[in-house]
Amino acid sequence: MAKLILVSTLSLAALSSAAQQAAPCTAPADFAPAQLYGLWTLSLWPQGGREDAPTSTGAVLFERHPEYPGSARGSLKRSSQGNDRTARVSGDVTHGEFNLDESADGVSMDAVWEGDVTPSGCGQELRGIRRPAQGSTSGEPAMNFVLRKSPGWR
């Protein structure tokens, strides 16, 4: 009897996993801000550079924005020349377009991120450009980015 229960439990877990994998992809236009919530890996590379040779890598953790229900807030940690960088980020996705503000001190904007939910990424990949914010003194150039949702976050 115990073997039957164990086999049934394993079978249900396998069916559940297969159903999640077979679920249809979210169209970029239907991507909801809540789908940002979770951990994303990050790669940045200079415009004209190569994605497979990033100049900065890291992660972003998005959570529900406490003040704006249709938005996300989070924290970013990434490598840079010399020291790792940390920042607060706030943004949203509207009709498949991704917008994010980045601030190292939580007050002034250091960078803006503009991109799209990739159609082939099934809601698990965002691509675009990270630009220094107007008036920013960071000295960093505009860079391409890709954010990929970490496994286990849906």
N, C-alpha and C. Protein backbone atom coordinates (compact mmCIF):
# COMPACT_ATOMS: atom_id res chain seq x y z
N MET A 1 0.83 -1.20 0.00
CA MET A 1 0.00 0.00 0.00
C MET A 1 0.87 1.26 0.00
N ALA A 2 1.96 1.25 0.81
CA ALA A 2 2.84 2.42 0.88
C ALA A 2 3.50 2.66 -0.46
N LYS A 3 3.86 1.57 -1.19
CA LYS A 3 4.47 1.73 -2.51
C LYS A 3 3.49 2.36 -3.47
N LEU A 4 2.23 1.96 -3.40
CA LEU A 4 1.20 2.50 -4.28
C LEU A 4 1.01 4.00 -4.03
N ILE A 5 1.00 4.41 -2.78
CA ILE A 5 0.85 5.83 -2.44
C ILE A 5 2.05 6.61 -2.94
N LEU A 6 3.26 6.07 -2.74
CA LEU A 6 4.47 6.74 -3.19
C LEU A 6 4.48 6.89 -4.71
N VAL A 7 4.12 5.81 -5.42
CA VAL A 7 4.08 5.85 -6.88
C VAL A 7 3.03 6.86 -7.33
N SER A 8 1.87 6.88 -6.69
CA SER A 8 0.81 7.82 -7.05
C SER A 8 1.26 9.26 -6.81
N THR A 9 1.93 9.50 -5.69
CA THR A 9 2.43 10.84 -5.39
C THR A 9 3.45 11.28 -6.42
N LEU A 10 4.38 10.39 -6.78
CA LEU A 10 5.38 10.70 -7.80
C LEU A 10 4.72 10.94 -9.15
N SER A 11 3.72 10.14 -9.48
CA SER A 11 3.01 10.31 -10.75
C SER A 11 2.30 11.65 -10.81
N LEU A 12 1.65 12.03 -9.72
CA LEU A 12 0.97 13.34 -9.67
C LEU A 12 1.96 14.47 -9.81
N ALA A 13 3.12 14.35 -9.16
CA ALA A 13 4.14 15.39 -9.27
C ALA A 13 4.64 15.50 -10.70
N ALA A 14 4.85 14.37 -11.36
CA ALA A 14 5.31 14.38 -12.75
C ALA A 14 4.26 14.99 -13.66
N LEU A 15 3.00 14.64 -13.45
CA LEU A 15 1.92 15.21 -14.27
C LEU A 15 1.80 16.71 -14.05
N SER A 16 1.92 17.14 -12.81
CA SER A 16 1.85 18.57 -12.51
C SER A 16 2.99 19.32 -13.18
N SER A 17 4.18 18.75 -13.11
CA SER A 17 5.34 19.38 -13.74
C SER A 17 5.17 19.43 -15.25
N ALA A 18 4.69 18.35 -15.84
CA ALA A 18 4.47 18.32 -17.29
C ALA A 18 3.40 19.32 -17.70
N ALA A 19 2.36 19.47 -16.90
CA ALA A 19 1.30 20.42 -17.21
C ALA A 19 1.83 21.85 -17.17
N GLN A 20 2.70 22.15 -16.19
CA GLN A 20 3.29 23.48 -16.11
C GLN A 20 4.15 23.75 -17.33
N GLN A 21 4.93 22.75 -17.75
CA GLN A 21 5.80 22.93 -18.90
C GLN A 21 5.01 23.04 -20.19
N ALA A 22 3.86 22.36 -20.27
CA ALA A 22 3.06 22.38 -21.48
C ALA A 22 2.11 23.58 -21.53
N ALA A 23 2.04 24.34 -20.44
CA ALA A 23 1.14 25.49 -20.42
C ALA A 23 1.53 26.46 -21.52
N PRO A 24 0.53 27.06 -22.17
CA PRO A 24 0.84 27.99 -23.25
C PRO A 24 1.61 29.21 -22.72
N CYS A 25 2.47 29.75 -23.57
CA CYS A 25 3.25 30.92 -23.21
C CYS A 25 2.35 32.15 -23.12
N THR A 26 2.74 33.07 -22.25
CA THR A 26 2.06 34.36 -22.18
C THR A 26 2.55 35.22 -23.34
N ALA A 27 1.61 35.75 -24.10
CA ALA A 27 1.99 36.67 -25.17
C ALA A 27 2.58 37.93 -24.54
N PRO A 28 3.61 38.53 -25.13
CA PRO A 28 4.21 39.73 -24.54
C PRO A 28 3.18 40.82 -24.19
N ALA A 29 2.18 41.01 -25.03
CA ALA A 29 1.17 42.04 -24.77
C ALA A 29 0.32 41.72 -23.54
N ASP A 30 0.26 40.43 -23.15
CA ASP A 30 -0.55 40.01 -22.00
C ASP A 30 0.27 39.84 -20.73
N PHE A 31 1.55 40.15 -20.78
CA PHE A 31 2.44 40.01 -19.62
C PHE A 31 1.98 40.96 -18.53
N ALA A 32 1.72 40.44 -17.34
CA ALA A 32 1.24 41.25 -16.22
C ALA A 32 2.40 41.64 -15.31
N PRO A 33 2.34 42.82 -14.69
CA PRO A 33 3.42 43.23 -13.78
C PRO A 33 3.75 42.18 -12.71
N ALA A 34 2.75 41.45 -12.23
CA ALA A 34 3.01 40.43 -11.20
C ALA A 34 3.95 39.34 -11.71
N GLN A 35 4.04 39.18 -13.04
CA GLN A 35 4.94 38.17 -13.59
C GLN A 35 6.40 38.59 -13.47
N LEU A 36 6.63 39.85 -13.10
CA LEU A 36 8.00 40.29 -12.83
C LEU A 36 8.51 39.75 -11.50
N TYR A 37 7.59 39.50 -10.55
CA TYR A 37 8.00 39.12 -9.20
C TYR A 37 8.86 37.87 -9.25
N GLY A 38 9.98 37.93 -8.54
CA GLY A 38 10.87 36.79 -8.46
C GLY A 38 12.31 37.20 -8.76
N LEU A 39 13.16 36.21 -8.86
CA LEU A 39 14.59 36.42 -9.07
C LEU A 39 14.92 36.28 -10.55
N TRP A 40 15.67 37.25 -11.07
CA TRP A 40 16.09 37.28 -12.47
C TRP A 40 17.61 37.39 -12.53
N THR A 41 18.24 36.66 -13.44
CA THR A 41 19.67 36.83 -13.67
C THR A 41 19.84 37.94 -14.69
N LEU A 42 20.97 38.62 -14.62
CA LEU A 42 21.21 39.80 -15.43
C LEU A 42 22.55 39.70 -16.14
N SER A 43 22.57 40.10 -17.40
CA SER A 43 23.82 40.28 -18.16
C SER A 43 23.74 41.62 -18.86
N LEU A 44 24.83 42.38 -18.80
CA LEU A 44 24.95 43.68 -19.48
C LEU A 44 26.19 43.65 -20.37
N TRP A 45 26.08 44.24 -21.55
CA TRP A 45 27.24 44.35 -22.44
C TRP A 45 27.10 45.64 -23.24
N PRO A 46 28.22 46.22 -23.65
CA PRO A 46 28.17 47.50 -24.36
C PRO A 46 27.48 47.36 -25.72
N GLN A 47 26.87 48.45 -26.15
CA GLN A 47 26.29 48.45 -27.49
C GLN A 47 27.43 48.24 -28.47
N GLY A 48 27.23 47.38 -29.44
CA GLY A 48 28.29 47.02 -30.36
C GLY A 48 29.12 45.86 -29.83
N GLY A 49 28.89 45.48 -28.57
CA GLY A 49 29.60 44.35 -27.96
C GLY A 49 28.84 43.06 -28.21
N ARG A 50 29.25 42.01 -27.49
CA ARG A 50 28.64 40.70 -27.68
C ARG A 50 27.97 40.23 -26.40
N GLU A 51 26.79 39.66 -26.55
CA GLU A 51 26.05 39.13 -25.41
C GLU A 51 26.82 38.03 -24.70
N ASP A 52 27.56 37.23 -25.45
CA ASP A 52 28.29 36.13 -24.83
C ASP A 52 29.59 36.59 -24.14
N ALA A 53 29.82 37.91 -24.14
CA ALA A 53 30.98 38.49 -23.44
C ALA A 53 30.50 39.68 -22.60
N PRO A 54 29.65 39.42 -21.58
CA PRO A 54 29.10 40.53 -20.80
C PRO A 54 30.18 41.26 -20.00
N THR A 55 29.98 42.55 -19.80
CA THR A 55 30.90 43.32 -18.97
C THR A 55 30.42 43.40 -17.52
N SER A 56 29.16 43.00 -17.31
CA SER A 56 28.60 43.00 -15.96
C SER A 56 27.53 41.91 -15.88
N THR A 57 27.52 41.19 -14.76
CA THR A 57 26.50 40.17 -14.52
C THR A 57 25.98 40.34 -13.10
N GLY A 58 24.81 39.82 -12.86
CA GLY A 58 24.26 39.94 -11.52
C GLY A 58 22.86 39.37 -11.44
N ALA A 59 22.07 39.94 -10.54
CA ALA A 59 20.71 39.47 -10.32
C ALA A 59 19.83 40.62 -9.87
N VAL A 60 18.54 40.47 -10.16
CA VAL A 60 17.53 41.43 -9.72
C VAL A 60 16.42 40.63 -9.05
N LEU A 61 16.00 41.06 -7.89
CA LEU A 61 14.87 40.45 -7.19
C LEU A 61 13.73 41.45 -7.20
N PHE A 62 12.65 41.10 -7.91
CA PHE A 62 11.47 41.96 -7.98
C PHE A 62 10.40 41.46 -7.02
N GLU A 63 9.75 42.42 -6.36
CA GLU A 63 8.62 42.14 -5.47
C GLU A 63 7.52 43.14 -5.80
N ARG A 64 6.35 42.94 -5.19
CA ARG A 64 5.25 43.87 -5.39
C ARG A 64 5.63 45.23 -4.85
N HIS A 65 5.35 46.27 -5.62
CA HIS A 65 5.63 47.63 -5.17
C HIS A 65 4.61 47.99 -4.09
N PRO A 66 5.05 48.45 -2.92
CA PRO A 66 4.12 48.72 -1.83
C PRO A 66 3.21 49.93 -2.07
N GLU A 67 3.61 50.84 -2.93
CA GLU A 67 2.82 52.06 -3.16
C GLU A 67 2.05 52.05 -4.47
N TYR A 68 2.52 51.27 -5.45
CA TYR A 68 1.89 51.25 -6.78
C TYR A 68 1.56 49.81 -7.15
N PRO A 69 0.29 49.42 -7.02
CA PRO A 69 -0.10 48.02 -7.22
C PRO A 69 0.26 47.43 -8.59
N GLY A 70 0.31 48.22 -9.65
CA GLY A 70 0.62 47.70 -10.97
C GLY A 70 2.08 47.73 -11.30
N SER A 71 2.93 47.86 -10.29
CA SER A 71 4.37 47.98 -10.52
C SER A 71 5.14 47.00 -9.64
N ALA A 72 6.44 46.96 -9.90
CA ALA A 72 7.33 46.11 -9.11
C ALA A 72 8.45 46.97 -8.54
N ARG A 73 8.96 46.55 -7.41
CA ARG A 73 10.11 47.19 -6.79
C ARG A 73 11.08 46.08 -6.44
N GLY A 74 12.35 46.41 -6.42
CA GLY A 74 13.29 45.37 -6.08
C GLY A 74 14.68 45.87 -5.82
N SER A 75 15.58 44.91 -5.77
CA SER A 75 16.98 45.24 -5.54
C SER A 75 17.82 44.55 -6.61
N LEU A 76 18.89 45.24 -6.97
CA LEU A 76 19.80 44.78 -8.01
C LEU A 76 21.18 44.67 -7.41
N LYS A 77 21.89 43.62 -7.76
CA LYS A 77 23.30 43.49 -7.39
C LYS A 77 24.02 42.97 -8.62
N ARG A 78 25.10 43.68 -9.02
CA ARG A 78 25.82 43.28 -10.21
C ARG A 78 27.30 43.61 -10.09
N SER A 79 28.07 42.93 -10.89
CA SER A 79 29.50 43.18 -10.93
C SER A 79 29.77 44.45 -11.73
N SER A 80 30.85 45.10 -11.41
CA SER A 80 31.30 46.25 -12.20
C SER A 80 32.81 46.34 -12.01
N GLN A 81 33.44 47.21 -12.76
CA GLN A 81 34.89 47.34 -12.59
C GLN A 81 35.19 47.84 -11.19
N GLY A 82 35.97 47.09 -10.45
CA GLY A 82 36.35 47.49 -9.10
C GLY A 82 35.48 46.87 -8.03
N ASN A 83 34.22 47.28 -7.93
CA ASN A 83 33.34 46.82 -6.86
C ASN A 83 32.01 46.36 -7.41
N ASP A 84 31.33 45.52 -6.64
CA ASP A 84 29.96 45.18 -6.99
C ASP A 84 29.09 46.41 -6.76
N ARG A 85 28.03 46.52 -7.53
CA ARG A 85 27.07 47.62 -7.39
C ARG A 85 25.75 47.07 -6.87
N THR A 86 25.14 47.86 -6.03
CA THR A 86 23.78 47.54 -5.57
C THR A 86 22.92 48.75 -5.86
N ALA A 87 21.64 48.50 -6.09
CA ALA A 87 20.71 49.59 -6.37
C ALA A 87 19.29 49.13 -6.08
N ARG A 88 18.43 50.12 -5.92
CA ARG A 88 16.99 49.88 -5.83
C ARG A 88 16.45 50.08 -7.22
N VAL A 89 15.46 49.29 -7.58
CA VAL A 89 14.84 49.42 -8.88
C VAL A 89 13.33 49.44 -8.73
N SER A 90 12.67 50.18 -9.60
CA SER A 90 11.21 50.23 -9.64
C SER A 90 10.80 50.28 -11.10
N GLY A 91 9.76 49.54 -11.44
CA GLY A 91 9.32 49.56 -12.82
C GLY A 91 8.06 48.77 -13.05
N ASP A 92 7.75 48.61 -14.35
CA ASP A 92 6.55 47.89 -14.72
C ASP A 92 6.66 47.38 -16.15
N VAL A 93 5.66 46.64 -16.54
CA VAL A 93 5.52 46.14 -17.91
C VAL A 93 4.13 46.52 -18.37
N THR A 94 4.05 47.18 -19.51
CA THR A 94 2.77 47.57 -20.10
C THR A 94 2.77 47.16 -21.56
N HIS A 95 1.81 46.31 -21.93
CA HIS A 95 1.68 45.85 -23.32
C HIS A 95 3.00 45.28 -23.85
N GLY A 96 3.72 44.56 -23.00
CA GLY A 96 4.96 43.92 -23.41
C GLY A 96 6.19 44.80 -23.34
N GLU A 97 6.02 46.09 -22.99
CA GLU A 97 7.16 47.00 -22.88
C GLU A 97 7.58 47.11 -21.42
N PHE A 98 8.88 46.93 -21.18
CA PHE A 98 9.47 46.91 -19.85
C PHE A 98 10.17 48.24 -19.60
N ASN A 99 9.87 48.88 -18.46
CA ASN A 99 10.52 50.14 -18.06
C ASN A 99 10.93 50.03 -16.61
N LEU A 100 12.14 50.50 -16.32
CA LEU A 100 12.69 50.36 -14.98
C LEU A 100 13.55 51.57 -14.66
N ASP A 101 13.45 52.06 -13.44
CA ASP A 101 14.31 53.13 -12.93
C ASP A 101 15.26 52.51 -11.92
N GLU A 102 16.51 52.91 -11.97
CA GLU A 102 17.55 52.38 -11.08
C GLU A 102 18.13 53.52 -10.26
N SER A 103 18.29 53.29 -8.95
CA SER A 103 18.84 54.31 -8.06
C SER A 103 19.75 53.66 -7.01
N ALA A 104 20.99 54.09 -6.95
CA ALA A 104 21.93 53.55 -5.96
C ALA A 104 21.60 54.04 -4.55
N ASP A 105 21.09 55.28 -4.44
CA ASP A 105 20.82 55.83 -3.11
C ASP A 105 19.34 55.84 -2.75
N GLY A 106 18.48 55.37 -3.64
CA GLY A 106 17.05 55.36 -3.37
C GLY A 106 16.38 56.71 -3.55
N VAL A 107 17.13 57.71 -3.99
CA VAL A 107 16.59 59.06 -4.17
C VAL A 107 16.76 59.53 -5.61
N SER A 108 18.00 59.63 -6.07
CA SER A 108 18.25 60.11 -7.43
C SER A 108 18.37 58.94 -8.40
N MET A 109 17.93 59.18 -9.64
CA MET A 109 17.97 58.14 -10.65
C MET A 109 19.36 58.07 -11.29
N ASP A 110 19.89 56.86 -11.36
CA ASP A 110 21.18 56.63 -11.98
C ASP A 110 21.05 56.11 -13.41
N ALA A 111 20.01 55.31 -13.66
CA ALA A 111 19.84 54.72 -14.99
C ALA A 111 18.38 54.42 -15.24
N VAL A 112 18.04 54.36 -16.52
CA VAL A 112 16.71 53.93 -16.95
C VAL A 112 16.88 52.73 -17.86
N TRP A 113 15.98 51.80 -17.72
CA TRP A 113 16.00 50.57 -18.51
C TRP A 113 14.74 50.56 -19.37
N GLU A 114 14.91 50.28 -20.65
CA GLU A 114 13.78 50.17 -21.56
C GLU A 114 13.96 48.91 -22.37
N GLY A 115 12.92 48.10 -22.44
CA GLY A 115 13.04 46.86 -23.19
C GLY A 115 11.69 46.25 -23.45
N ASP A 116 11.74 44.99 -23.82
CA ASP A 116 10.53 44.25 -24.18
C ASP A 116 10.57 42.84 -23.60
N VAL A 117 9.38 42.29 -23.40
CA VAL A 117 9.25 40.88 -23.10
C VAL A 117 9.50 40.17 -24.42
N THR A 118 10.44 39.23 -24.46
CA THR A 118 10.75 38.58 -25.72
C THR A 118 9.70 37.52 -26.05
N PRO A 119 9.19 37.53 -27.27
CA PRO A 119 8.16 36.55 -27.65
C PRO A 119 8.63 35.11 -27.50
N SER A 120 9.90 34.84 -27.81
CA SER A 120 10.41 33.47 -27.72
C SER A 120 10.73 33.07 -26.29
N GLY A 121 10.76 34.01 -25.37
CA GLY A 121 11.13 33.72 -23.99
C GLY A 121 10.01 33.23 -23.11
N CYS A 122 8.80 33.19 -23.63
CA CYS A 122 7.64 32.66 -22.90
C CYS A 122 7.46 33.35 -21.55
N GLY A 123 7.68 34.68 -21.52
CA GLY A 123 7.51 35.44 -20.29
C GLY A 123 8.64 35.30 -19.31
N GLN A 124 9.72 34.65 -19.72
CA GLN A 124 10.85 34.40 -18.83
C GLN A 124 12.10 35.18 -19.23
N GLU A 125 11.97 36.10 -20.22
CA GLU A 125 13.13 36.84 -20.68
C GLU A 125 12.73 38.25 -21.09
N LEU A 126 13.53 39.22 -20.65
CA LEU A 126 13.36 40.63 -21.00
C LEU A 126 14.66 41.11 -21.63
N ARG A 127 14.57 41.90 -22.70
CA ARG A 127 15.75 42.42 -23.37
C ARG A 127 15.57 43.90 -23.66
N GLY A 128 16.68 44.63 -23.64
CA GLY A 128 16.60 46.04 -23.97
C GLY A 128 17.90 46.77 -23.76
N ILE A 129 17.77 48.07 -23.44
CA ILE A 129 18.92 48.95 -23.26
C ILE A 129 18.83 49.63 -21.91
N ARG A 130 19.95 49.66 -21.20
CA ARG A 130 20.10 50.40 -19.93
C ARG A 130 20.92 51.65 -20.27
N ARG A 131 20.31 52.82 -19.99
CA ARG A 131 20.98 54.09 -20.29
C ARG A 131 21.18 54.88 -19.00
N PRO A 132 22.26 55.66 -18.94
CA PRO A 132 22.41 56.56 -17.80
C PRO A 132 21.24 57.54 -17.76
N ALA A 133 20.74 57.81 -16.58
CA ALA A 133 19.65 58.78 -16.44
C ALA A 133 20.17 60.18 -16.72
N GLN A 134 19.28 61.03 -17.15
CA GLN A 134 19.66 62.42 -17.42
C GLN A 134 20.25 63.03 -16.16
N GLY A 135 21.44 63.60 -16.28
CA GLY A 135 22.11 64.21 -15.13
C GLY A 135 22.93 63.24 -14.31
N SER A 136 22.93 61.97 -14.67
CA SER A 136 23.72 60.98 -13.93
C SER A 136 25.21 61.22 -14.13
N THR A 137 25.97 61.02 -13.08
CA THR A 137 27.42 61.21 -13.15
C THR A 137 28.18 59.88 -13.08
N SER A 138 27.48 58.78 -13.33
CA SER A 138 28.12 57.46 -13.19
C SER A 138 29.21 57.22 -14.22
N GLY A 139 29.12 57.85 -15.37
CA GLY A 139 30.13 57.67 -16.40
C GLY A 139 29.99 56.37 -17.17
N GLU A 140 28.97 55.56 -16.85
CA GLU A 140 28.76 54.31 -17.58
C GLU A 140 28.07 54.59 -18.92
N PRO A 141 28.46 53.85 -19.95
CA PRO A 141 27.80 54.03 -21.24
C PRO A 141 26.46 53.31 -21.28
N ALA A 142 25.70 53.56 -22.32
CA ALA A 142 24.48 52.78 -22.55
C ALA A 142 24.91 51.33 -22.81
N MET A 143 24.14 50.39 -22.28
CA MET A 143 24.47 48.97 -22.43
C MET A 143 23.22 48.18 -22.76
N ASN A 144 23.41 47.12 -23.52
CA ASN A 144 22.33 46.16 -23.77
C ASN A 144 22.17 45.31 -22.51
N PHE A 145 20.95 44.82 -22.30
CA PHE A 145 20.73 43.91 -21.17
C PHE A 145 19.83 42.76 -21.58
N VAL A 146 19.98 41.68 -20.83
CA VAL A 146 19.02 40.58 -20.86
C VAL A 146 18.79 40.17 -19.41
N LEU A 147 17.52 40.03 -19.06
CA LEU A 147 17.09 39.51 -17.76
C LEU A 147 16.39 38.19 -18.03
N ARG A 148 16.80 37.15 -17.30
CA ARG A 148 16.17 35.84 -17.44
C ARG A 148 15.67 35.39 -16.08
N LYS A 149 14.41 34.99 -16.04
CA LYS A 149 13.82 34.56 -14.78
C LYS A 149 14.48 33.26 -14.33
N SER A 150 14.84 33.23 -13.07
CA SER A 150 15.47 32.04 -12.51
C SER A 150 14.47 30.90 -12.41
N PRO A 151 14.93 29.66 -12.60
CA PRO A 151 14.04 28.51 -12.51
C PRO A 151 13.33 28.47 -11.14
N GLY A 152 12.11 28.03 -11.17
CA GLY A 152 11.33 27.91 -9.94
C GLY A 152 10.43 29.11 -9.66
N TRP A 153 10.63 30.21 -10.37
CA TRP A 153 9.79 31.39 -10.21
C TRP A 153 8.88 31.49 -11.42
N ARG A 154 7.60 31.50 -11.23
CA ARG A 154 6.63 31.63 -12.34
C ARG A 154 5.78 32.83 -12.17
